[in-house]
Amino acid sequence: MADSGFNMKWILGLIGFVLVVFLICMGSYNSLVSSNEAVEAQWSQVENVMQRRFDLIPNLVNTVKGYAKHEKEVLEEVTRLRSQWGAAQTRDQKVQTSDQLDGTLNHLMVVLENYPDLKANEDFLKLQDELAGTENRIAVERQRYNEAVQDYNVKVRSFPSNIMASIGGFQRKDTYFKAESGADQAPKVDFSN
């Protein structure tokens, strides 16, 4: 009789242990699913604000064309990158194109400083304000996306959720937005001209 009491305690202990392991696994899996969905939702938000920027570009280019006829190369590059972003199939391609466009738009804004009539044009000023606001939104959404990817990657690599990640097929995400090369150095200012 004593053996049956011992066996019953052992069986109940084993059932309790299995139940605890199951709950931990279920919690880890659900946390991974939630983090993965957060990354996808944040990526959608990044795409929304980048699409807004790309929708503003034709208006900006058309407004500038009338003033800056000899800046054709910069305008063509902006237009090419806009088309390239629209044709991008993967997240990596969209991130790369967006990063290239950041530099090209910055160059365009520097070039436009040479056109005082354009800087005074009301339509251009409105477009410039909209674009600046959109760029700020993009920066915020990129940061939120990077944070969501980081949170997800930590869960994929941390114990015990890494076991569930392996079983569930969750993979580390490597697409992050990064600063342009040279962004860690202050620009040189030359007042000699």
C-alpha atoms as a PDB file:
ATOM      1  CA  MET A   1       0.000   0.000   0.000  1.00  0.00           C
ATOM      2  CA  ALA A   2       2.840   2.355   0.759  1.00  0.00           C
ATOM      3  CA  ASP A   3       4.175   1.800  -2.739  1.00  0.00           C
ATOM      4  CA  SER A   4       0.870   2.864  -4.335  1.00  0.00           C
ATOM      5  CA  GLY A   5       0.911   6.140  -2.334  1.00  0.00           C
ATOM      6  CA  PHE A   6       4.471   6.748  -3.412  1.00  0.00           C
ATOM      7  CA  ASN A   7       3.602   5.964  -7.048  1.00  0.00           C
ATOM      8  CA  MET A   8       0.591   8.299  -6.897  1.00  0.00           C
ATOM      9  CA  LYS A   9       2.772  11.176  -5.565  1.00  0.00           C
ATOM     10  CA  TRP A  10       5.360  10.446  -8.214  1.00  0.00           C
ATOM     11  CA  ILE A  11       2.701  10.414 -10.964  1.00  0.00           C
ATOM     12  CA  LEU A  12       1.126  13.651  -9.685  1.00  0.00           C
ATOM     13  CA  GLY A  13       4.581  15.244  -9.470  1.00  0.00           C
ATOM     14  CA  LEU A  14       5.345  14.157 -13.028  1.00  0.00           C
ATOM     15  CA  ILE A  15       1.998  15.485 -14.262  1.00  0.00           C
ATOM     16  CA  GLY A  16       2.665  18.779 -12.475  1.00  0.00           C
ATOM     17  CA  PHE A  17       6.136  19.009 -14.007  1.00  0.00           C
ATOM     18  CA  VAL A  18       4.821  18.279 -17.507  1.00  0.00           C
ATOM     19  CA  LEU A  19       2.077  20.875 -17.003  1.00  0.00           C
ATOM     20  CA  VAL A  20       4.613  23.524 -15.931  1.00  0.00           C
ATOM     21  CA  VAL A  21       6.857  22.743 -18.924  1.00  0.00           C
ATOM     22  CA  PHE A  22       3.831  22.904 -21.235  1.00  0.00           C
ATOM     23  CA  LEU A  23       2.794  26.295 -19.838  1.00  0.00           C
ATOM     24  CA  ILE A  24       6.333  27.662 -20.217  1.00  0.00           C
ATOM     25  CA  CYS A  25       6.488  26.411 -23.820  1.00  0.00           C
ATOM     26  CA  MET A  26       3.065  27.828 -24.605  1.00  0.00           C
ATOM     27  CA  GLY A  27       4.016  31.201 -23.098  1.00  0.00           C
ATOM     28  CA  SER A  28       7.301  31.279 -25.049  1.00  0.00           C
ATOM     29  CA  TYR A  29       5.564  30.389 -28.304  1.00  0.00           C
ATOM     30  CA  ASN A  30       2.827  32.986 -27.800  1.00  0.00           C
ATOM     31  CA  SER A  31       5.442  35.617 -26.947  1.00  0.00           C
ATOM     32  CA  LEU A  32       7.343  34.820 -30.155  1.00  0.00           C
ATOM     33  CA  VAL A  33       4.161  35.039 -32.220  1.00  0.00           C
ATOM     34  CA  SER A  34       3.298  38.359 -30.606  1.00  0.00           C
ATOM     35  CA  SER A  35       6.780  39.789 -31.218  1.00  0.00           C
ATOM     36  CA  ASN A  36       6.799  38.593 -34.821  1.00  0.00           C
ATOM     37  CA  GLU A  37       3.426  40.246 -35.423  1.00  0.00           C
ATOM     38  CA  ALA A  38       4.707  43.452 -33.803  1.00  0.00           C
ATOM     39  CA  VAL A  39       7.625  43.484 -36.271  1.00  0.00           C
ATOM     40  CA  GLU A  40       5.255  42.984 -39.205  1.00  0.00           C
ATOM     41  CA  ALA A  41       2.875  45.688 -37.979  1.00  0.00           C
ATOM     42  CA  GLN A  42       5.738  48.119 -37.445  1.00  0.00           C
ATOM     43  CA  TRP A  43       7.115  47.352 -40.914  1.00  0.00           C
ATOM     44  CA  SER A  44       3.697  48.185 -42.355  1.00  0.00           C
ATOM     45  CA  GLN A  45       3.820  51.529 -40.571  1.00  0.00           C
ATOM     46  CA  VAL A  46       7.299  52.212 -41.981  1.00  0.00           C
ATOM     47  CA  GLU A  47       5.987  51.416 -45.462  1.00  0.00           C
ATOM     48  CA  ASN A  48       3.036  53.768 -44.943  1.00  0.00           C
ATOM     49  CA  VAL A  49       5.187  56.768 -44.079  1.00  0.00           C
ATOM     50  CA  MET A  50       7.745  55.947 -46.796  1.00  0.00           C
ATOM     51  CA  GLN A  51       4.906  55.698 -49.319  1.00  0.00           C
ATOM     52  CA  ARG A  52       3.788  59.173 -48.252  1.00  0.00           C
ATOM     53  CA  ARG A  53       7.284  60.454 -49.002  1.00  0.00           C
ATOM     54  CA  PHE A  54       7.318  58.740 -52.381  1.00  0.00           C
ATOM     55  CA  ASP A  55       3.900  60.221 -53.175  1.00  0.00           C
ATOM     56  CA  LEU A  56       5.251  63.715 -52.454  1.00  0.00           C
ATOM     57  CA  ILE A  57       8.308  63.297 -54.683  1.00  0.00           C
ATOM     58  CA  PRO A  58       6.619  63.842 -58.102  1.00  0.00           C
ATOM     59  CA  ASN A  59       5.171  67.141 -56.883  1.00  0.00           C
ATOM     60  CA  LEU A  60       8.546  68.196 -55.510  1.00  0.00           C
ATOM     61  CA  VAL A  61      10.347  67.227 -58.726  1.00  0.00           C
ATOM     62  CA  ASN A  62       7.803  69.028 -60.928  1.00  0.00           C
ATOM     63  CA  THR A  63       8.006  72.178 -58.820  1.00  0.00           C
ATOM     64  CA  VAL A  64      11.794  72.175 -58.896  1.00  0.00           C
ATOM     65  CA  LYS A  65      12.045  71.400 -62.640  1.00  0.00           C
ATOM     66  CA  GLY A  66      10.846  74.846 -63.586  1.00  0.00           C
ATOM     67  CA  TYR A  67      13.561  76.523 -61.515  1.00  0.00           C
ATOM     68  CA  ALA A  68      16.504  74.167 -61.618  1.00  0.00           C
ATOM     69  CA  LYS A  69      16.738  73.042 -65.219  1.00  0.00           C
ATOM     70  CA  HIS A  70      20.471  72.245 -65.016  1.00  0.00           C
ATOM     71  CA  GLU A  71      20.036  70.021 -61.923  1.00  0.00           C
ATOM     72  CA  LYS A  72      18.624  67.337 -64.184  1.00  0.00           C
ATOM     73  CA  GLU A  73      20.852  64.519 -62.856  1.00  0.00           C
ATOM     74  CA  VAL A  74      19.716  64.945 -59.259  1.00  0.00           C
ATOM     75  CA  LEU A  75      16.053  65.082 -60.287  1.00  0.00           C
ATOM     76  CA  GLU A  76      16.448  61.993 -62.477  1.00  0.00           C
ATOM     77  CA  GLU A  77      18.117  60.129 -59.587  1.00  0.00           C
ATOM     78  CA  VAL A  78      15.252  61.024 -57.244  1.00  0.00           C
ATOM     79  CA  THR A  79      12.745  59.822 -59.839  1.00  0.00           C
ATOM     80  CA  ARG A  80      14.733  56.622 -60.505  1.00  0.00           C
ATOM     81  CA  LEU A  81      14.920  55.791 -56.790  1.00  0.00           C
ATOM     82  CA  ARG A  82      11.202  56.424 -56.390  1.00  0.00           C
ATOM     83  CA  SER A  83      10.509  53.919 -59.178  1.00  0.00           C
ATOM     84  CA  GLN A  84      13.033  51.477 -57.725  1.00  0.00           C
ATOM     85  CA  TRP A  85      11.298  51.594 -54.330  1.00  0.00           C
ATOM     86  CA  GLY A  86       7.948  50.889 -55.966  1.00  0.00           C
ATOM     87  CA  ALA A  87       9.428  47.877 -57.769  1.00  0.00           C
ATOM     88  CA  ALA A  88      11.282  46.510 -54.715  1.00  0.00           C
ATOM     89  CA  GLN A  89      10.146  42.985 -53.859  1.00  0.00           C
ATOM     90  CA  THR A  90      11.829  42.428 -50.498  1.00  0.00           C
ATOM     91  CA  ARG A  91      12.136  44.329 -47.269  1.00  0.00           C
ATOM     92  CA  ASP A  92      15.924  44.530 -47.737  1.00  0.00           C
ATOM     93  CA  GLN A  93      15.503  46.097 -51.198  1.00  0.00           C
ATOM     94  CA  LYS A  94      13.055  48.684 -49.837  1.00  0.00           C
ATOM     95  CA  VAL A  95      15.367  49.570 -46.942  1.00  0.00           C
ATOM     96  CA  GLN A  96      18.359  49.933 -49.292  1.00  0.00           C
ATOM     97  CA  THR A  97      16.417  52.109 -51.760  1.00  0.00           C
ATOM     98  CA  SER A  98      15.014  54.251 -48.958  1.00  0.00           C
ATOM     99  CA  ASP A  99      18.511  54.792 -47.558  1.00  0.00           C
ATOM    100  CA  GLN A 100      19.786  55.802 -51.014  1.00  0.00           C
ATOM    101  CA  LEU A 101      16.895  58.207 -51.429  1.00  0.00           C
ATOM    102  CA  ASP A 102      17.680  59.823 -48.060  1.00  0.00           C
ATOM    103  CA  GLY A 103      21.097  60.857 -49.356  1.00  0.00           C
ATOM    104  CA  THR A 104      19.767  61.988 -52.724  1.00  0.00           C
ATOM    105  CA  LEU A 105      17.020  64.125 -51.171  1.00  0.00           C
ATOM    106  CA  ASN A 106      19.546  65.680 -48.788  1.00  0.00           C
ATOM    107  CA  HIS A 107      21.746  66.520 -51.792  1.00  0.00           C
ATOM    108  CA  LEU A 108      18.738  67.981 -53.620  1.00  0.00           C
ATOM    109  CA  MET A 109      17.907  70.236 -50.681  1.00  0.00           C
ATOM    110  CA  VAL A 110      21.496  71.501 -50.568  1.00  0.00           C
ATOM    111  CA  VAL A 111      21.454  72.179 -54.322  1.00  0.00           C
ATOM    112  CA  LEU A 112      18.169  74.050 -54.011  1.00  0.00           C
ATOM    113  CA  GLU A 113      19.738  76.550 -51.633  1.00  0.00           C
ATOM    114  CA  ASN A 114      21.162  78.136 -54.803  1.00  0.00           C
ATOM    115  CA  TYR A 115      17.669  79.082 -56.045  1.00  0.00           C
ATOM    116  CA  PRO A 116      16.254  81.983 -54.005  1.00  0.00           C
ATOM    117  CA  ASP A 117      13.156  82.296 -56.227  1.00  0.00           C
ATOM    118  CA  LEU A 118      12.342  78.653 -55.642  1.00  0.00           C
ATOM    119  CA  LYS A 119      12.880  78.952 -51.894  1.00  0.00           C
ATOM    120  CA  ALA A 120      10.314  81.773 -51.914  1.00  0.00           C
ATOM    121  CA  ASN A 121       7.751  79.817 -53.982  1.00  0.00           C
ATOM    122  CA  GLU A 122       4.701  79.044 -51.827  1.00  0.00           C
ATOM    123  CA  ASP A 123       4.047  75.639 -53.397  1.00  0.00           C
ATOM    124  CA  PHE A 124       7.658  74.627 -52.906  1.00  0.00           C
ATOM    125  CA  LEU A 125       7.634  75.793 -49.293  1.00  0.00           C
ATOM    126  CA  LYS A 126       4.511  73.724 -48.594  1.00  0.00           C
ATOM    127  CA  LEU A 127       6.049  70.674 -50.239  1.00  0.00           C
ATOM    128  CA  GLN A 128       9.286  71.184 -48.339  1.00  0.00           C
ATOM    129  CA  ASP A 129       7.373  71.388 -45.036  1.00  0.00           C
ATOM    130  CA  GLU A 130       5.368  68.258 -45.869  1.00  0.00           C
ATOM    131  CA  LEU A 131       8.527  66.418 -46.838  1.00  0.00           C
ATOM    132  CA  ALA A 132      10.321  67.523 -43.658  1.00  0.00           C
ATOM    133  CA  GLY A 133       7.375  66.345 -41.546  1.00  0.00           C
ATOM    134  CA  THR A 134       7.315  63.054 -43.416  1.00  0.00           C
ATOM    135  CA  GLU A 135      11.064  62.595 -42.914  1.00  0.00           C
ATOM    136  CA  ASN A 136      10.550  63.062 -39.157  1.00  0.00           C
ATOM    137  CA  ARG A 137       7.768  60.455 -39.176  1.00  0.00           C
ATOM    138  CA  ILE A 138       9.977  58.073 -41.126  1.00  0.00           C
ATOM    139  CA  ALA A 139      12.776  58.465 -38.571  1.00  0.00           C
ATOM    140  CA  VAL A 140      10.375  57.707 -35.708  1.00  0.00           C
ATOM    141  CA  GLU A 141       8.839  54.702 -37.450  1.00  0.00           C
ATOM    142  CA  ARG A 142      12.271  53.347 -38.411  1.00  0.00           C
ATOM    143  CA  GLN A 143      13.339  53.567 -34.794  1.00  0.00           C
ATOM    144  CA  ARG A 144      10.176  51.777 -33.653  1.00  0.00           C
ATOM    145  CA  TYR A 145      10.705  49.099 -36.309  1.00  0.00           C
ATOM    146  CA  ASN A 146      14.320  48.568 -35.233  1.00  0.00           C
ATOM    147  CA  GLU A 147      13.166  48.262 -31.606  1.00  0.00           C
ATOM    148  CA  ALA A 148      10.500  45.707 -32.567  1.00  0.00           C
ATOM    149  CA  VAL A 149      13.073  43.671 -34.532  1.00  0.00           C
ATOM    150  CA  GLN A 150      15.505  43.856 -31.617  1.00  0.00           C
ATOM    151  CA  ASP A 151      12.836  42.686 -29.158  1.00  0.00           C
ATOM    152  CA  TYR A 152      11.903  39.811 -31.452  1.00  0.00           C
ATOM    153  CA  ASN A 153      15.542  38.793 -32.012  1.00  0.00           C
ATOM    154  CA  VAL A 154      16.215  38.787 -28.260  1.00  0.00           C
ATOM    155  CA  LYS A 155      13.282  36.414 -27.769  1.00  0.00           C
ATOM    156  CA  VAL A 156      14.442  34.157 -30.619  1.00  0.00           C
ATOM    157  CA  ARG A 157      17.906  33.886 -29.082  1.00  0.00           C
ATOM    158  CA  SER A 158      17.054  33.816 -25.326  1.00  0.00           C
ATOM    159  CA  PHE A 159      16.493  30.672 -23.294  1.00  0.00           C
ATOM    160  CA  PRO A 160      13.939  29.039 -23.073  1.00  0.00           C
ATOM    161  CA  SER A 161      12.135  30.779 -25.927  1.00  0.00           C
ATOM    162  CA  ASN A 162      15.005  29.887 -28.283  1.00  0.00           C
ATOM    163  CA  ILE A 163      13.922  26.252 -27.996  1.00  0.00           C
ATOM    164  CA  MET A 164      10.382  27.151 -29.031  1.00  0.00           C
ATOM    165  CA  ALA A 165      11.761  29.412 -31.771  1.00  0.00           C
ATOM    166  CA  SER A 166      13.713  26.508 -33.184  1.00  0.00           C
ATOM    167  CA  ILE A 167      10.742  24.147 -32.963  1.00  0.00           C
ATOM    168  CA  GLY A 168       8.309  26.752 -34.331  1.00  0.00           C
ATOM    169  CA  GLY A 169      10.561  27.842 -37.207  1.00  0.00           C
ATOM    170  CA  PHE A 170      11.067  31.406 -35.954  1.00  0.00           C
ATOM    171  CA  GLN A 171      14.202  32.895 -37.541  1.00  0.00           C
ATOM    172  CA  ARG A 172      16.302  35.889 -36.541  1.00  0.00           C
ATOM    173  CA  LYS A 173      15.462  39.006 -38.582  1.00  0.00           C
ATOM    174  CA  ASP A 174      18.491  40.826 -39.959  1.00  0.00           C
ATOM    175  CA  THR A 175      16.832  43.795 -41.677  1.00  0.00           C
ATOM    176  CA  TYR A 176      17.547  46.924 -39.660  1.00  0.00           C
ATOM    177  CA  PHE A 177      17.622  50.538 -40.734  1.00  0.00           C
ATOM    178  CA  LYS A 178      21.148  51.882 -40.313  1.00  0.00           C
ATOM    179  CA  ALA A 179      22.721  55.303 -40.505  1.00  0.00           C
ATOM    180  CA  GLU A 180      24.425  56.248 -43.745  1.00  0.00           C
ATOM    181  CA  SER A 181      28.176  55.773 -43.855  1.00  0.00           C
ATOM    182  CA  GLY A 182      29.897  58.905 -42.641  1.00  0.00           C
ATOM    183  CA  ALA A 183      26.915  59.930 -40.504  1.00  0.00           C
ATOM    184  CA  ASP A 184      29.076  59.507 -37.412  1.00  0.00           C
ATOM    185  CA  GLN A 185      31.221  62.494 -38.432  1.00  0.00           C
ATOM    186  CA  ALA A 186      30.246  66.146 -38.394  1.00  0.00           C
ATOM    187  CA  PRO A 187      30.039  67.774 -41.843  1.00  0.00           C
ATOM    188  CA  LYS A 188      32.798  70.189 -42.822  1.00  0.00           C
ATOM    189  CA  VAL A 189      31.719  73.793 -43.077  1.00  0.00           C
ATOM    190  CA  ASP A 190      33.640  76.067 -45.442  1.00  0.00           C
ATOM    191  CA  PHE A 191      32.875  79.792 -45.443  1.00  0.00           C
ATOM    192  CA  SER A 192      35.651  80.656 -47.898  1.00  0.00           C
ATOM    193  CA  ASN A 193      33.322  80.865 -50.947  1.00  0.00           C
END
